[in-house]
C-alpha atoms as a PDB file:
ATOM      1  CA  MET A   1      22.816 -29.182 -24.817  1.00  0.00           C
ATOM      2  CA  GLN A   2      19.671 -30.533 -26.413  1.00  0.00           C
ATOM      3  CA  SER A   3      20.112 -33.956 -27.954  1.00  0.00           C
ATOM      4  CA  THR A   4      18.668 -34.868 -31.330  1.00  0.00           C
ATOM      5  CA  SER A   5      17.847 -38.121 -33.031  1.00  0.00           C
ATOM      6  CA  PHE A   6      19.967 -37.223 -36.053  1.00  0.00           C
ATOM      7  CA  GLN A   7      22.561 -39.803 -37.020  1.00  0.00           C
ATOM      8  CA  ARG A   8      25.164 -39.429 -39.703  1.00  0.00           C
ATOM      9  CA  ARG A   9      24.453 -41.723 -42.594  1.00  0.00           C
ATOM     10  CA  GLY A  10      27.094 -44.388 -43.114  1.00  0.00           C
ATOM     11  CA  PRO A  11      28.809 -45.110 -46.405  1.00  0.00           C
ATOM     12  CA  VAL A  12      26.525 -46.426 -49.127  1.00  0.00           C
ATOM     13  CA  ARG A  13      27.262 -49.997 -50.128  1.00  0.00           C
ATOM     14  CA  GLN A  14      28.790 -50.211 -53.563  1.00  0.00           C
ATOM     15  CA  ILE A  15      27.832 -53.147 -55.785  1.00  0.00           C
ATOM     16  CA  LYS A  16      29.914 -53.786 -58.858  1.00  0.00           C
ATOM     17  CA  GLY A  17      27.957 -53.545 -62.080  1.00  0.00           C
ATOM     18  CA  ALA A  18      25.006 -51.712 -60.461  1.00  0.00           C
ATOM     19  CA  LYS A  19      23.753 -48.140 -60.712  1.00  0.00           C
ATOM     20  CA  ARG A  20      21.077 -46.009 -59.091  1.00  0.00           C
ATOM     21  CA  SER A  21      17.777 -45.646 -60.892  1.00  0.00           C
ATOM     22  CA  LEU A  22      16.913 -42.211 -62.263  1.00  0.00           C
ATOM     23  CA  TYR A  23      13.323 -42.620 -61.064  1.00  0.00           C
ATOM     24  CA  ASN A  24      13.774 -43.983 -57.522  1.00  0.00           C
ATOM     25  CA  ASP A  25      16.491 -45.038 -55.108  1.00  0.00           C
ATOM     26  CA  SER A  26      16.651 -48.659 -56.251  1.00  0.00           C
ATOM     27  CA  LEU A  27      19.802 -50.291 -57.591  1.00  0.00           C
ATOM     28  CA  LEU A  28      19.757 -51.550 -61.170  1.00  0.00           C
ATOM     29  CA  ILE A  29      21.806 -54.290 -62.778  1.00  0.00           C
ATOM     30  CA  SER A  30      22.083 -54.912 -66.497  1.00  0.00           C
ATOM     31  CA  THR A  31      20.392 -57.846 -68.192  1.00  0.00           C
ATOM     32  CA  GLY A  32      23.324 -57.924 -70.612  1.00  0.00           C
ATOM     33  CA  VAL A  33      21.145 -56.690 -73.504  1.00  0.00           C
ATOM     34  CA  PRO A  34      21.183 -52.844 -73.705  1.00  0.00           C
ATOM     35  CA  GLY A  35      17.883 -52.734 -75.599  1.00  0.00           C
ATOM     36  CA  ILE A  36      16.062 -54.695 -72.882  1.00  0.00           C
ATOM     37  CA  ASP A  37      17.633 -52.510 -70.176  1.00  0.00           C
ATOM     38  CA  SER A  38      16.205 -49.416 -71.870  1.00  0.00           C
ATOM     39  CA  ILE A  39      12.740 -50.922 -72.281  1.00  0.00           C
ATOM     40  CA  ILE A  40      12.367 -51.828 -68.585  1.00  0.00           C
ATOM     41  CA  GLY A  41      13.545 -48.440 -67.311  1.00  0.00           C
ATOM     42  CA  GLY A  42      17.328 -48.517 -67.455  1.00  0.00           C
ATOM     43  CA  GLY A  43      18.023 -51.950 -65.988  1.00  0.00           C
ATOM     44  CA  LEU A  44      16.634 -54.698 -63.774  1.00  0.00           C
ATOM     45  CA  PRO A  45      16.107 -53.543 -60.149  1.00  0.00           C
ATOM     46  CA  LEU A  46      17.541 -55.720 -57.416  1.00  0.00           C
ATOM     47  CA  GLY A  47      14.818 -57.628 -55.611  1.00  0.00           C
ATOM     48  CA  THR A  48      12.657 -58.123 -58.719  1.00  0.00           C
ATOM     49  CA  ILE A  49      11.698 -60.888 -61.166  1.00  0.00           C
ATOM     50  CA  LEU A  50      11.984 -60.635 -64.955  1.00  0.00           C
ATOM     51  CA  LEU A  51       9.826 -63.140 -66.835  1.00  0.00           C
ATOM     52  CA  VAL A  52      10.783 -64.022 -70.407  1.00  0.00           C
ATOM     53  CA  GLU A  53       7.942 -65.792 -72.202  1.00  0.00           C
ATOM     54  CA  GLU A  54       9.645 -68.213 -74.549  1.00  0.00           C
ATOM     55  CA  ASP A  55       8.649 -68.696 -78.147  1.00  0.00           C
ATOM     56  CA  GLU A  56       7.145 -72.067 -78.954  1.00  0.00           C
ATOM     57  CA  THR A  57       9.644 -73.171 -81.586  1.00  0.00           C
ATOM     58  CA  THR A  58      12.779 -71.000 -81.300  1.00  0.00           C
ATOM     59  CA  CYS A  59      15.544 -70.612 -78.709  1.00  0.00           C
ATOM     60  CA  TYR A  60      15.961 -66.839 -78.519  1.00  0.00           C
ATOM     61  CA  GLY A  61      15.196 -67.008 -74.806  1.00  0.00           C
ATOM     62  CA  ASP A  62      18.414 -69.006 -74.384  1.00  0.00           C
ATOM     63  CA  VAL A  63      20.383 -66.114 -75.881  1.00  0.00           C
ATOM     64  CA  ILE A  64      18.980 -63.665 -73.302  1.00  0.00           C
ATOM     65  CA  GLU A  65      19.836 -66.163 -70.553  1.00  0.00           C
ATOM     66  CA  ARG A  66      23.441 -66.345 -71.725  1.00  0.00           C
ATOM     67  CA  TYR A  67      23.730 -62.550 -71.714  1.00  0.00           C
ATOM     68  CA  PHE A  68      22.252 -62.391 -68.207  1.00  0.00           C
ATOM     69  CA  ILE A  69      24.708 -64.945 -66.796  1.00  0.00           C
ATOM     70  CA  ALA A  70      27.691 -63.478 -68.674  1.00  0.00           C
ATOM     71  CA  GLU A  71      27.011 -60.062 -67.152  1.00  0.00           C
ATOM     72  CA  GLY A  72      26.963 -61.653 -63.711  1.00  0.00           C
ATOM     73  CA  VAL A  73      30.248 -63.502 -64.266  1.00  0.00           C
ATOM     74  CA  VAL A  74      32.026 -60.357 -65.479  1.00  0.00           C
ATOM     75  CA  ASN A  75      30.829 -58.340 -62.465  1.00  0.00           C
ATOM     76  CA  GLN A  76      31.655 -61.163 -60.023  1.00  0.00           C
ATOM     77  CA  HIS A  77      28.032 -61.539 -58.974  1.00  0.00           C
ATOM     78  CA  ARG A  78      26.915 -64.736 -57.331  1.00  0.00           C
ATOM     79  CA  VAL A  79      25.192 -66.793 -60.033  1.00  0.00           C
ATOM     80  CA  ILE A  80      22.535 -69.351 -59.092  1.00  0.00           C
ATOM     81  CA  ILE A  81      21.277 -71.637 -61.873  1.00  0.00           C
ATOM     82  CA  ALA A  82      18.247 -73.924 -61.673  1.00  0.00           C
ATOM     83  CA  ASP A  83      17.814 -76.235 -64.653  1.00  0.00           C
ATOM     84  CA  THR A  84      16.500 -79.777 -64.797  1.00  0.00           C
ATOM     85  CA  ILE A  85      18.071 -80.596 -68.184  1.00  0.00           C
ATOM     86  CA  GLU A  86      21.487 -78.997 -68.708  1.00  0.00           C
ATOM     87  CA  LYS A  87      24.301 -78.961 -66.193  1.00  0.00           C
ATOM     88  CA  PRO A  88      25.597 -75.520 -65.103  1.00  0.00           C
ATOM     89  CA  SER A  89      28.987 -76.319 -66.639  1.00  0.00           C
ATOM     90  CA  GLU A  90      27.324 -76.773 -70.041  1.00  0.00           C
ATOM     91  CA  ILE A  91      25.571 -73.407 -69.701  1.00  0.00           C
ATOM     92  CA  LEU A  92      28.803 -71.638 -68.726  1.00  0.00           C
ATOM     93  CA  SER A  93      30.600 -73.138 -71.723  1.00  0.00           C
ATOM     94  CA  LYS A  94      28.196 -71.260 -74.051  1.00  0.00           C
ATOM     95  CA  LEU A  95      28.576 -67.774 -72.539  1.00  0.00           C
ATOM     96  CA  PRO A  96      29.538 -65.046 -75.038  1.00  0.00           C
ATOM     97  CA  SER A  97      32.955 -63.461 -74.673  1.00  0.00           C
ATOM     98  CA  ILE A  98      33.251 -59.907 -73.374  1.00  0.00           C
ATOM     99  CA  ILE A  99      34.557 -57.126 -75.623  1.00  0.00           C
ATOM    100  CA  GLU A 100      35.924 -53.804 -74.413  1.00  0.00           C
ATOM    101  CA  THR A 101      33.926 -51.652 -76.813  1.00  0.00           C
ATOM    102  CA  ASN A 102      31.495 -52.198 -79.670  1.00  0.00           C
ATOM    103  CA  THR A 103      32.860 -49.348 -81.781  1.00  0.00           C
ATOM    104  CA  GLU A 104      34.994 -51.602 -83.965  1.00  0.00           C
ATOM    105  CA  ALA A 105      32.153 -54.065 -84.448  1.00  0.00           C
ATOM    106  CA  ASP A 106      29.789 -51.267 -85.447  1.00  0.00           C
ATOM    107  CA  VAL A 107      32.298 -49.983 -88.006  1.00  0.00           C
ATOM    108  CA  LYS A 108      32.565 -53.453 -89.568  1.00  0.00           C
ATOM    109  CA  GLU A 109      28.785 -53.789 -89.710  1.00  0.00           C
ATOM    110  CA  ASP A 110      28.447 -50.349 -91.297  1.00  0.00           C
ATOM    111  CA  LYS A 111      30.947 -51.309 -94.010  1.00  0.00           C
ATOM    112  CA  ASN A 112      29.033 -54.485 -94.759  1.00  0.00           C
ATOM    113  CA  SER A 113      25.651 -52.775 -94.705  1.00  0.00           C
ATOM    114  CA  LYS A 114      23.745 -51.806 -97.821  1.00  0.00           C
ATOM    115  CA  PRO A 115      24.482 -48.423 -99.466  1.00  0.00           C
ATOM    116  CA  ASP A 116      22.290 -45.459 -98.677  1.00  0.00           C
ATOM    117  CA  LEU A 117      18.865 -45.709-100.251  1.00  0.00           C
ATOM    118  CA  LYS A 118      16.597 -42.882-101.214  1.00  0.00           C
ATOM    119  CA  ILE A 119      13.831 -42.745 -98.633  1.00  0.00           C
ATOM    120  CA  ALA A 120      10.987 -40.449 -97.751  1.00  0.00           C
ATOM    121  CA  TRP A 121      12.070 -37.113 -96.252  1.00  0.00           C
ATOM    122  CA  ARG A 122      10.209 -37.749 -93.010  1.00  0.00           C
ATOM    123  CA  TYR A 123      12.420 -40.801 -92.287  1.00  0.00           C
ATOM    124  CA  GLU A 124      15.668 -39.161 -93.346  1.00  0.00           C
ATOM    125  CA  ASN A 125      16.657 -37.527 -90.044  1.00  0.00           C
ATOM    126  CA  SER A 126      15.214 -40.120 -87.667  1.00  0.00           C
ATOM    127  CA  GLN A 127      17.332 -42.594 -85.725  1.00  0.00           C
ATOM    128  CA  LYS A 128      17.546 -46.161 -86.905  1.00  0.00           C
ATOM    129  CA  GLY A 129      14.809 -47.880 -84.991  1.00  0.00           C
ATOM    130  CA  GLY A 130      13.360 -44.500 -84.025  1.00  0.00           C
ATOM    131  CA  GLY A 131      12.981 -42.908 -80.624  1.00  0.00           C
ATOM    132  CA  LYS A 132      15.081 -43.021 -77.489  1.00  0.00           C
ATOM    133  CA  PHE A 133      14.461 -46.630 -76.395  1.00  0.00           C
ATOM    134  CA  VAL A 134      16.854 -48.383 -78.760  1.00  0.00           C
ATOM    135  CA  ASP A 135      19.907 -50.585 -78.531  1.00  0.00           C
ATOM    136  CA  ARG A 136      22.504 -47.823 -78.340  1.00  0.00           C
ATOM    137  CA  PRO A 137      25.978 -47.947 -76.795  1.00  0.00           C
ATOM    138  CA  THR A 138      25.220 -46.296 -73.448  1.00  0.00           C
ATOM    139  CA  ARG A 139      27.941 -47.331 -71.023  1.00  0.00           C
ATOM    140  CA  PHE A 140      25.968 -49.416 -68.553  1.00  0.00           C
ATOM    141  CA  GLY A 141      26.725 -53.076 -68.582  1.00  0.00           C
ATOM    142  CA  ASN A 142      29.174 -54.701 -70.946  1.00  0.00           C
ATOM    143  CA  TYR A 143      29.234 -55.771 -74.570  1.00  0.00           C
ATOM    144  CA  TYR A 144      29.585 -59.351 -75.714  1.00  0.00           C
ATOM    145  CA  ASP A 145      30.475 -61.269 -78.853  1.00  0.00           C
ATOM    146  CA  LEU A 146      28.159 -64.206 -79.544  1.00  0.00           C
ATOM    147  CA  SER A 147      30.567 -65.661 -82.081  1.00  0.00           C
ATOM    148  CA  GLU A 148      33.132 -66.440 -79.366  1.00  0.00           C
ATOM    149  CA  THR A 149      32.821 -68.094 -75.962  1.00  0.00           C
ATOM    150  CA  MET A 150      33.982 -66.658 -72.657  1.00  0.00           C
ATOM    151  CA  ASP A 151      37.130 -67.960 -70.994  1.00  0.00           C
ATOM    152  CA  ILE A 152      36.082 -68.635 -67.396  1.00  0.00           C
ATOM    153  CA  THR A 153      39.326 -70.247 -66.254  1.00  0.00           C
ATOM    154  CA  GLY A 154      41.208 -67.042 -65.426  1.00  0.00           C
ATOM    155  CA  GLU A 155      40.031 -63.826 -63.779  1.00  0.00           C
ATOM    156  CA  LEU A 156      36.447 -64.457 -64.873  1.00  0.00           C
ATOM    157  CA  LYS A 157      36.056 -67.571 -62.764  1.00  0.00           C
ATOM    158  CA  PRO A 158      32.351 -67.515 -61.805  1.00  0.00           C
ATOM    159  CA  ASN A 159      30.923 -67.547 -58.310  1.00  0.00           C
ATOM    160  CA  LEU A 160      28.461 -70.288 -59.219  1.00  0.00           C
ATOM    161  CA  GLU A 161      25.908 -72.207 -57.220  1.00  0.00           C
ATOM    162  CA  ALA A 162      23.511 -74.716 -58.755  1.00  0.00           C
ATOM    163  CA  VAL A 163      20.260 -76.214 -57.534  1.00  0.00           C
ATOM    164  CA  ASP A 164      20.629 -79.984 -57.623  1.00  0.00           C
ATOM    165  CA  PHE A 165      17.589 -82.035 -58.680  1.00  0.00           C
ATOM    166  CA  SER A 166      19.251 -85.448 -58.905  1.00  0.00           C
ATOM    167  CA  ASP A 167      17.503 -86.697 -55.758  1.00  0.00           C
ATOM    168  CA  VAL A 168      14.067 -85.228 -56.569  1.00  0.00           C
ATOM    169  CA  ILE A 169      11.136 -86.737 -58.459  1.00  0.00           C
ATOM    170  CA  ASP A 170       9.316 -84.659 -61.080  1.00  0.00           C
ATOM    171  CA  ASP A 171       6.247 -83.730 -59.051  1.00  0.00           C
ATOM    172  CA  ASP A 172       8.394 -82.347 -56.197  1.00  0.00           C
ATOM    173  CA  LYS A 173      10.836 -80.297 -58.274  1.00  0.00           C
ATOM    174  CA  ALA A 174       9.000 -76.965 -57.951  1.00  0.00           C
ATOM    175  CA  THR A 175       8.601 -77.370 -54.180  1.00  0.00           C
ATOM    176  CA  THR A 176      12.232 -78.391 -53.774  1.00  0.00           C
ATOM    177  CA  LEU A 177      13.382 -75.499 -55.946  1.00  0.00           C
ATOM    178  CA  ILE A 178      11.663 -72.809 -53.882  1.00  0.00           C
ATOM    179  CA  GLU A 179      12.948 -74.291 -50.611  1.00  0.00           C
ATOM    180  CA  ARG A 180      16.554 -74.486 -51.803  1.00  0.00           C
ATOM    181  CA  LEU A 181      16.421 -71.102 -53.507  1.00  0.00           C
ATOM    182  CA  ILE A 182      15.201 -69.394 -50.331  1.00  0.00           C
ATOM    183  CA  LYS A 183      18.130 -70.893 -48.407  1.00  0.00           C
ATOM    184  CA  LEU A 184      20.598 -69.674 -51.026  1.00  0.00           C
ATOM    185  CA  ILE A 185      19.035 -66.203 -51.221  1.00  0.00           C
ATOM    186  CA  GLU A 186      19.142 -65.777 -47.443  1.00  0.00           C
ATOM    187  CA  THR A 187      22.829 -66.733 -47.360  1.00  0.00           C
ATOM    188  CA  PRO A 188      24.857 -63.473 -47.128  1.00  0.00           C
ATOM    189  CA  SER A 189      26.825 -62.528 -50.224  1.00  0.00           C
ATOM    190  CA  GLU A 190      29.464 -59.837 -50.727  1.00  0.00           C
ATOM    191  CA  ASN A 191      28.017 -58.909 -54.091  1.00  0.00           C
ATOM    192  CA  ALA A 192      24.693 -59.026 -55.913  1.00  0.00           C
ATOM    193  CA  SER A 193      23.107 -62.360 -56.786  1.00  0.00           C
ATOM    194  CA  ARG A 194      21.598 -63.404 -60.105  1.00  0.00           C
ATOM    195  CA  VAL A 195      19.199 -66.325 -60.249  1.00  0.00           C
ATOM    196  CA  LEU A 196      18.386 -68.054 -63.535  1.00  0.00           C
ATOM    197  CA  ILE A 197      15.440 -70.464 -63.611  1.00  0.00           C
ATOM    198  CA  ARG A 198      15.412 -72.094 -67.044  1.00  0.00           C
ATOM    199  CA  ARG A 199      12.384 -73.482 -68.850  1.00  0.00           C
ATOM    200  CA  PHE A 200      10.250 -73.464 -65.737  1.00  0.00           C
ATOM    201  CA  ALA A 201       6.814 -75.147 -65.844  1.00  0.00           C
ATOM    202  CA  ARG A 202       7.639 -77.374 -68.788  1.00  0.00           C
ATOM    203  CA  PRO A 203       6.361 -80.969 -68.516  1.00  0.00           C
ATOM    204  CA  PHE A 204       9.644 -82.253 -67.025  1.00  0.00           C
ATOM    205  CA  TRP A 205       9.015 -80.027 -63.975  1.00  0.00           C
ATOM    206  CA  GLY A 206       6.063 -82.222 -63.095  1.00  0.00           C
ATOM    207  CA  ASN A 207       2.321 -81.771 -63.391  1.00  0.00           C
ATOM    208  CA  LEU A 208       2.036 -78.025 -62.682  1.00  0.00           C
ATOM    209  CA  CYS A 209      -1.131 -76.001 -63.208  1.00  0.00           C
ATOM    210  CA  SER A 210      -1.343 -72.206 -63.363  1.00  0.00           C
ATOM    211  CA  ILE A 211      -2.286 -72.027 -59.665  1.00  0.00           C
ATOM    212  CA  ASP A 212       0.894 -73.918 -58.749  1.00  0.00           C
ATOM    213  CA  ILE A 213       2.952 -71.497 -60.829  1.00  0.00           C
ATOM    214  CA  CYS A 214       1.330 -68.450 -59.196  1.00  0.00           C
ATOM    215  CA  LYS A 215       1.992 -69.845 -55.704  1.00  0.00           C
ATOM    216  CA  PHE A 216       5.595 -70.541 -56.637  1.00  0.00           C
ATOM    217  CA  LEU A 217       6.107 -67.003 -57.985  1.00  0.00           C
ATOM    218  CA  LEU A 218       4.468 -65.436 -54.933  1.00  0.00           C
ATOM    219  CA  LYS A 219       6.856 -67.244 -52.557  1.00  0.00           C
ATOM    220  CA  LEU A 220       9.787 -66.386 -54.788  1.00  0.00           C
ATOM    221  CA  ARG A 221       8.858 -62.713 -54.994  1.00  0.00           C
ATOM    222  CA  ASN A 222       8.445 -62.422 -51.219  1.00  0.00           C
ATOM    223  CA  ALA A 223      11.826 -64.098 -50.685  1.00  0.00           C
ATOM    224  CA  ILE A 224      13.835 -61.587 -52.753  1.00  0.00           C
ATOM    225  CA  ARG A 225      12.122 -58.315 -51.835  1.00  0.00           C
ATOM    226  CA  GLY A 226      14.660 -55.939 -50.315  1.00  0.00           C
ATOM    227  CA  LYS A 227      17.571 -58.294 -51.025  1.00  0.00           C
ATOM    228  CA  PRO A 228      20.419 -57.781 -53.522  1.00  0.00           C
ATOM    229  CA  THR A 229      19.045 -60.519 -55.756  1.00  0.00           C
ATOM    230  CA  SER A 230      17.376 -60.445 -59.165  1.00  0.00           C
ATOM    231  CA  ILE A 231      15.784 -63.345 -61.012  1.00  0.00           C
ATOM    232  CA  LEU A 232      15.457 -64.167 -64.700  1.00  0.00           C
ATOM    233  CA  LEU A 233      12.743 -66.747 -65.269  1.00  0.00           C
ATOM    234  CA  THR A 234      11.775 -68.314 -68.610  1.00  0.00           C
ATOM    235  CA  ILE A 235       8.371 -69.958 -69.066  1.00  0.00           C
ATOM    236  CA  PRO A 236       6.763 -71.426 -72.221  1.00  0.00           C
ATOM    237  CA  MET A 237       3.653 -69.273 -71.927  1.00  0.00           C
ATOM    238  CA  HIS A 238       1.950 -70.909 -74.918  1.00  0.00           C
ATOM    239  CA  ILE A 239       1.248 -73.873 -72.618  1.00  0.00           C
ATOM    240  CA  TYR A 240      -0.565 -71.583 -70.154  1.00  0.00           C
ATOM    241  CA  GLU A 241      -1.992 -69.094 -72.650  1.00  0.00           C
ATOM    242  CA  ASP A 242      -5.419 -68.879 -70.967  1.00  0.00           C
ATOM    243  CA  ASP A 243      -3.825 -68.007 -67.605  1.00  0.00           C
ATOM    244  CA  SER A 244      -1.001 -65.800 -68.858  1.00  0.00           C
ATOM    245  CA  ASN A 245      -2.331 -62.599 -67.259  1.00  0.00           C
ATOM    246  CA  SER A 246      -2.676 -64.292 -63.878  1.00  0.00           C
ATOM    247  CA  ILE A 247       0.920 -65.507 -64.030  1.00  0.00           C
ATOM    248  CA  ARG A 248       2.199 -62.049 -65.004  1.00  0.00           C
ATOM    249  CA  ASN A 249       0.575 -60.582 -61.895  1.00  0.00           C
ATOM    250  CA  PHE A 250       3.227 -62.300 -59.747  1.00  0.00           C
ATOM    251  CA  VAL A 251       6.303 -60.959 -61.556  1.00  0.00           C
ATOM    252  CA  ASP A 252       7.630 -57.420 -61.911  1.00  0.00           C
ATOM    253  CA  PHE A 253       8.587 -57.394 -65.591  1.00  0.00           C
ATOM    254  CA  ALA A 254       7.359 -59.622 -68.423  1.00  0.00           C
ATOM    255  CA  LEU A 255       8.685 -59.839 -71.983  1.00  0.00           C
ATOM    256  CA  GLU A 256       7.070 -61.967 -74.689  1.00  0.00           C
ATOM    257  CA  LEU A 257       9.141 -63.350 -77.573  1.00  0.00           C
ATOM    258  CA  ASN A 258       7.542 -64.305 -80.889  1.00  0.00           C
ATOM    259  CA  ALA A 259       9.343 -65.471 -84.006  1.00  0.00           C
ATOM    260  CA  VAL A 260       8.735 -63.758 -87.356  1.00  0.00           C
ATOM    261  CA  ARG A 261       6.956 -66.699 -88.943  1.00  0.00           C
ATOM    262  CA  LYS A 262       4.485 -66.842 -86.044  1.00  0.00           C
ATOM    263  CA  ASP A 263       3.871 -63.139 -85.456  1.00  0.00           C
ATOM    264  CA  LYS A 264       1.828 -61.501 -88.235  1.00  0.00           C
ATOM    265  CA  LYS A 265       2.957 -58.006 -87.214  1.00  0.00           C
ATOM    266  CA  VAL A 266       6.544 -58.666 -88.241  1.00  0.00           C
ATOM    267  CA  ALA A 267       5.916 -61.287 -90.912  1.00  0.00           C
ATOM    268  CA  GLY A 268       6.653 -58.711 -93.626  1.00  0.00           C
ATOM    269  CA  LEU A 269       9.886 -57.430 -92.087  1.00  0.00           C
ATOM    270  CA  ALA A 270      12.659 -59.652 -93.377  1.00  0.00           C
ATOM    271  CA  ASP A 271      15.339 -57.763 -91.432  1.00  0.00           C
ATOM    272  CA  TYR A 272      14.014 -58.980 -88.072  1.00  0.00           C
ATOM    273  CA  HIS A 273      13.877 -62.407 -86.504  1.00  0.00           C
ATOM    274  CA  GLY A 274      10.956 -61.736 -84.203  1.00  0.00           C
ATOM    275  CA  CYS A 275       8.871 -59.456 -82.044  1.00  0.00           C
ATOM    276  CA  LEU A 276       9.474 -58.594 -78.392  1.00  0.00           C
ATOM    277  CA  ARG A 277       6.487 -57.279 -76.436  1.00  0.00           C
ATOM    278  CA  LEU A 278       6.603 -55.623 -73.035  1.00  0.00           C
ATOM    279  CA  ARG A 279       3.715 -57.327 -71.252  1.00  0.00           C
ATOM    280  CA  LYS A 280       4.369 -55.883 -67.791  1.00  0.00           C
ATOM    281  CA  SER A 281       6.666 -53.269 -66.258  1.00  0.00           C
ATOM    282  CA  ARG A 282       6.035 -52.388 -62.633  1.00  0.00           C
ATOM    283  CA  SER A 283       8.802 -51.535 -60.182  1.00  0.00           C
ATOM    284  CA  PRO A 284       7.923 -52.268 -56.526  1.00  0.00           C
ATOM    285  CA  TYR A 285      10.017 -49.321 -55.318  1.00  0.00           C
ATOM    286  CA  SER A 286       7.978 -46.443 -56.742  1.00  0.00           C
ATOM    287  CA  LEU A 287       4.412 -45.492 -57.597  1.00  0.00           C
ATOM    288  CA  HIS A 288       5.408 -44.640 -61.151  1.00  0.00           C
ATOM    289  CA  THR A 289       7.429 -46.913 -63.400  1.00  0.00           C
ATOM    290  CA  PRO A 290       8.889 -45.424 -66.594  1.00  0.00           C
ATOM    291  CA  GLN A 291       7.064 -46.783 -69.620  1.00  0.00           C
ATOM    292  CA  PRO A 292       8.289 -46.656 -73.222  1.00  0.00           C
ATOM    293  CA  ASP A 293       5.914 -45.053 -75.701  1.00  0.00           C
ATOM    294  CA  THR A 294       5.318 -48.421 -77.363  1.00  0.00           C
ATOM    295  CA  SER A 295       5.164 -51.986 -76.106  1.00  0.00           C
ATOM    296  CA  ASP A 296       6.071 -53.593 -79.460  1.00  0.00           C
ATOM    297  CA  TRP A 297       9.732 -54.090 -80.337  1.00  0.00           C
ATOM    298  CA  ALA A 298      11.600 -56.137 -82.887  1.00  0.00           C
ATOM    299  CA  PHE A 299      14.757 -58.155 -82.378  1.00  0.00           C
ATOM    300  CA  LYS A 300      17.339 -59.754 -84.589  1.00  0.00           C
ATOM    301  CA  GLN A 301      20.216 -62.042 -83.794  1.00  0.00           C
ATOM    302  CA  ARG A 302      23.306 -61.187 -85.732  1.00  0.00           C
ATOM    303  CA  ARG A 303      26.461 -63.229 -85.827  1.00  0.00           C
ATOM    304  CA  THR A 304      28.023 -61.282 -82.970  1.00  0.00           C
ATOM    305  CA  LYS A 305      25.125 -59.811 -80.979  1.00  0.00           C
ATOM    306  CA  PHE A 306      21.431 -59.775 -80.150  1.00  0.00           C
ATOM    307  CA  VAL A 307      19.796 -56.452 -81.053  1.00  0.00           C
ATOM    308  CA  VAL A 308      16.468 -55.013 -79.860  1.00  0.00           C
ATOM    309  CA  GLU A 309      14.972 -52.097 -81.807  1.00  0.00           C
ATOM    310  CA  ARG A 310      11.713 -50.240 -82.112  1.00  0.00           C
ATOM    311  CA  MET A 311       9.477 -52.060 -84.574  1.00  0.00           C
ATOM    312  CA  HIS A 312       8.878 -49.801 -87.567  1.00  0.00           C
ATOM    313  CA  LEU A 313       7.578 -50.354 -91.058  1.00  0.00           C
ATOM    314  CA  PRO A 314      10.099 -49.809 -93.851  1.00  0.00           C
ATOM    315  CA  PRO A 315       9.492 -46.622 -95.886  1.00  0.00           C
ATOM    316  CA  ASP A 316       8.449 -46.716 -99.532  1.00  0.00           C
ATOM    317  CA  LEU A 317      11.836 -46.928-101.250  1.00  0.00           C
ATOM    318  CA  GLY A 318      10.725 -45.723-104.674  1.00  0.00           C
ATOM    319  CA  GLU A 319       8.560 -42.884-105.873  1.00  0.00           C
ATOM    320  CA  ASN A 320       7.551 -44.794-109.004  1.00  0.00           C
ATOM    321  CA  ALA A 321       5.978 -47.616-107.003  1.00  0.00           C
ATOM    322  CA  SER A 322       3.611 -45.391-105.069  1.00  0.00           C
ATOM    323  CA  ARG A 323       2.971 -43.144-108.066  1.00  0.00           C
ATOM    324  CA  GLY A 324       2.146 -46.141-110.258  1.00  0.00           C
ATOM    325  CA  LYS A 325      -0.262 -47.440-107.647  1.00  0.00           C
ATOM    326  CA  GLU A 326      -2.027 -44.070-107.474  1.00  0.00           C
ATOM    327  CA  GLU A 327      -2.387 -43.948-111.278  1.00  0.00           C
ATOM    328  CA  SER A 328      -3.812 -47.478-111.435  1.00  0.00           C
ATOM    329  CA  ASP A 329      -6.312 -46.594-108.698  1.00  0.00           C
ATOM    330  CA  MET A 330      -7.416 -43.501-110.627  1.00  0.00           C
ATOM    331  CA  VAL A 331      -7.869 -45.519-113.842  1.00  0.00           C
ATOM    332  CA  SER A 332      -9.974 -48.139-112.077  1.00  0.00           C
ATOM    333  CA  GLN A 333     -12.162 -45.450-110.489  1.00  0.00           C
ATOM    334  CA  LYS A 334     -12.604 -43.774-113.896  1.00  0.00           C
ATOM    335  CA  LYS A 335     -13.735 -47.056-115.449  1.00  0.00           C
ATOM    336  CA  LYS A 336     -16.328 -47.484-112.748  1.00  0.00           C
ATOM    337  CA  LEU A 337     -17.750 -44.023-113.498  1.00  0.00           C
ATOM    338  CA  GLU A 338     -18.058 -44.626-117.278  1.00  0.00           C
ATOM    339  CA  PHE A 339     -21.497 -45.853-118.364  1.00  0.00           C
END
């Protein structure tokens, strides 16, 4: 009997809180924010780095960090936190509590929302926020309530590991971080691992230039490729504005946060707190990465949740306003013609 090289494929490893990508065979985990998951192609692939470019004056990046860690705690992922300021216990004490469904919350918000307004017919049948890439309740990941904190003393006791910097001087913190992270990443884990690097490259990390940051990211990216580990990294990009494109080359996904008062595009939209821009989206596991039809999004932080929506201009709410403007324009043109 002729032998073949065929071997039966063994059982596929199941990771809690992960799903297969629709575009390739990579495993995705949720960032904790459904809108961000949709923008980057359904979730964050394992073995990749998500860069969140912090706003200069606000702390919305901290909210995304809390969602990211909360999702890891709920799914019993190994959580690795690197922060030179706050202790991991302080970060865990601020995690939002998990809720079973957001249906009840949506009903409450709908009751408190403004009554229906008369709008242009072309906006009448469109989704709020428009398009398919919006913060909708698709059942991937969990939902959280920002107004309450998570109880991590019971079943949700986190599998936490922290990078200790107490014995390190400022100028050696980045070097020490990459060395200790590589050791932790290479340590086998029964589940996926989530790494949070908070406020990296700020002055208290030492005297880092853009070249140092790029070298750090290159080593970090090589260390997690092919491993069940994903990284959320926040950097104050306004400090390295001239070298921002070079830094983005060494991550897989990059999101830029800008507050309303700083970003002119959303300065006139009082309903939003800021603008979220997709600066880079490139999965290492396929030649084609799904791209949304726009890179500009708006976000708002409500009392109970952080919402990401397509940025759209509000319609003209009254016919009289536009009609009055047209009449005034016609009168002014008529005066110019009289001589």
